[in-house]
Amino acid sequence: MLRAESSQFVAASGAELIVEITSKTNANHDRIKKAAGYARAQVPLYCSSTMGSWRPEP
């Protein structure tokens, strides 16, 4: 969910771009579960970047 200016939440489908910065501790959640949720919400563009040189195992 996105936070509106009124501090209320709005649906992720209202986003045109989502960028995630992942770390080793949350990479699986961000790259799999959250990405699937954004796809279901039909977010047009999702970008994910990993902090540092760490990469999750396939």
C-alpha atoms as a PDB file:
ATOM      1  CA  MET A   1       0.000   0.000   0.000  1.00  0.00           C
ATOM      2  CA  LEU A   2       1.046   3.555  -0.619  1.00  0.00           C
ATOM      3  CA  ARG A   3       0.659   6.242   2.002  1.00  0.00           C
ATOM      4  CA  ALA A   4      -1.409   9.226   0.883  1.00  0.00           C
ATOM      5  CA  GLU A   5      -0.714  12.737   2.123  1.00  0.00           C
ATOM      6  CA  SER A   6      -3.522  12.376   4.655  1.00  0.00           C
ATOM      7  CA  SER A   7      -1.611   9.425   6.191  1.00  0.00           C
ATOM      8  CA  GLN A   8      -4.274   7.065   4.844  1.00  0.00           C
ATOM      9  CA  PHE A   9      -3.246   4.101   2.714  1.00  0.00           C
ATOM     10  CA  VAL A  10      -4.057   3.853  -0.988  1.00  0.00           C
ATOM     11  CA  ALA A  11      -3.945   0.747  -3.186  1.00  0.00           C
ATOM     12  CA  ALA A  12      -0.617  -0.244  -4.774  1.00  0.00           C
ATOM     13  CA  SER A  13      -2.447  -0.184  -8.112  1.00  0.00           C
ATOM     14  CA  GLY A  14      -2.271   3.604  -7.811  1.00  0.00           C
ATOM     15  CA  ALA A  15       1.529   3.484  -8.250  1.00  0.00           C
ATOM     16  CA  GLU A  16       3.185   3.960 -11.624  1.00  0.00           C
ATOM     17  CA  LEU A  17       6.665   2.992 -10.402  1.00  0.00           C
ATOM     18  CA  ILE A  18       7.936   0.992  -7.438  1.00  0.00           C
ATOM     19  CA  VAL A  19      11.641   0.783  -6.588  1.00  0.00           C
ATOM     20  CA  GLU A  20      12.909  -1.653  -3.955  1.00  0.00           C
ATOM     21  CA  ILE A  21      16.355  -1.579  -2.363  1.00  0.00           C
ATOM     22  CA  THR A  22      16.943  -5.071  -1.002  1.00  0.00           C
ATOM     23  CA  SER A  23      19.415  -6.437   1.491  1.00  0.00           C
ATOM     24  CA  LYS A  24      20.390  -9.988   2.368  1.00  0.00           C
ATOM     25  CA  THR A  25      17.823 -10.107   5.155  1.00  0.00           C
ATOM     26  CA  ASN A  26      14.796  -9.139   3.055  1.00  0.00           C
ATOM     27  CA  ALA A  27      15.714 -10.021  -0.540  1.00  0.00           C
ATOM     28  CA  ASN A  28      13.493 -13.100  -0.847  1.00  0.00           C
ATOM     29  CA  HIS A  29      10.475 -11.234   0.493  1.00  0.00           C
ATOM     30  CA  ASP A  30      11.044  -8.171  -1.715  1.00  0.00           C
ATOM     31  CA  ARG A  31      11.987  -9.988  -4.914  1.00  0.00           C
ATOM     32  CA  ILE A  32       9.398 -12.762  -4.736  1.00  0.00           C
ATOM     33  CA  LYS A  33       6.416 -12.035  -2.499  1.00  0.00           C
ATOM     34  CA  LYS A  34       6.243  -8.277  -2.874  1.00  0.00           C
ATOM     35  CA  ALA A  35       7.016  -8.407  -6.605  1.00  0.00           C
ATOM     36  CA  ALA A  36       4.150 -10.880  -7.090  1.00  0.00           C
ATOM     37  CA  GLY A  37       1.821  -8.528  -5.216  1.00  0.00           C
ATOM     38  CA  TYR A  38       2.830  -5.610  -7.408  1.00  0.00           C
ATOM     39  CA  ALA A  39       2.192  -7.745 -10.500  1.00  0.00           C
ATOM     40  CA  ARG A  40      -1.296  -8.625  -9.215  1.00  0.00           C
ATOM     41  CA  ALA A  41      -1.919  -4.906  -8.634  1.00  0.00           C
ATOM     42  CA  GLN A  42      -0.784  -4.264 -12.241  1.00  0.00           C
ATOM     43  CA  VAL A  43       1.932  -1.786 -11.264  1.00  0.00           C
ATOM     44  CA  PRO A  44       3.454  -0.829 -14.660  1.00  0.00           C
ATOM     45  CA  LEU A  45       7.121  -0.649 -13.595  1.00  0.00           C
ATOM     46  CA  TYR A  46       8.917  -2.439 -10.751  1.00  0.00           C
ATOM     47  CA  CYS A  47      12.673  -2.117 -10.221  1.00  0.00           C
ATOM     48  CA  SER A  48      14.733  -3.960  -7.638  1.00  0.00           C
ATOM     49  CA  SER A  49      18.309  -3.271  -6.642  1.00  0.00           C
ATOM     50  CA  THR A  50      20.541  -5.121  -4.209  1.00  0.00           C
ATOM     51  CA  MET A  51      22.606  -3.239  -1.634  1.00  0.00           C
ATOM     52  CA  GLY A  52      26.334  -3.731  -2.014  1.00  0.00           C
ATOM     53  CA  SER A  53      27.694  -6.688  -3.938  1.00  0.00           C
ATOM     54  CA  TRP A  54      25.506  -9.337  -2.295  1.00  0.00           C
ATOM     55  CA  ARG A  55      23.222 -11.296  -4.617  1.00  0.00           C
ATOM     56  CA  PRO A  56      20.542 -13.788  -3.548  1.00  0.00           C
ATOM     57  CA  GLU A  57      20.946 -17.400  -4.592  1.00  0.00           C
ATOM     58  CA  PRO A  58      18.556 -18.554  -7.352  1.00  0.00           C
END
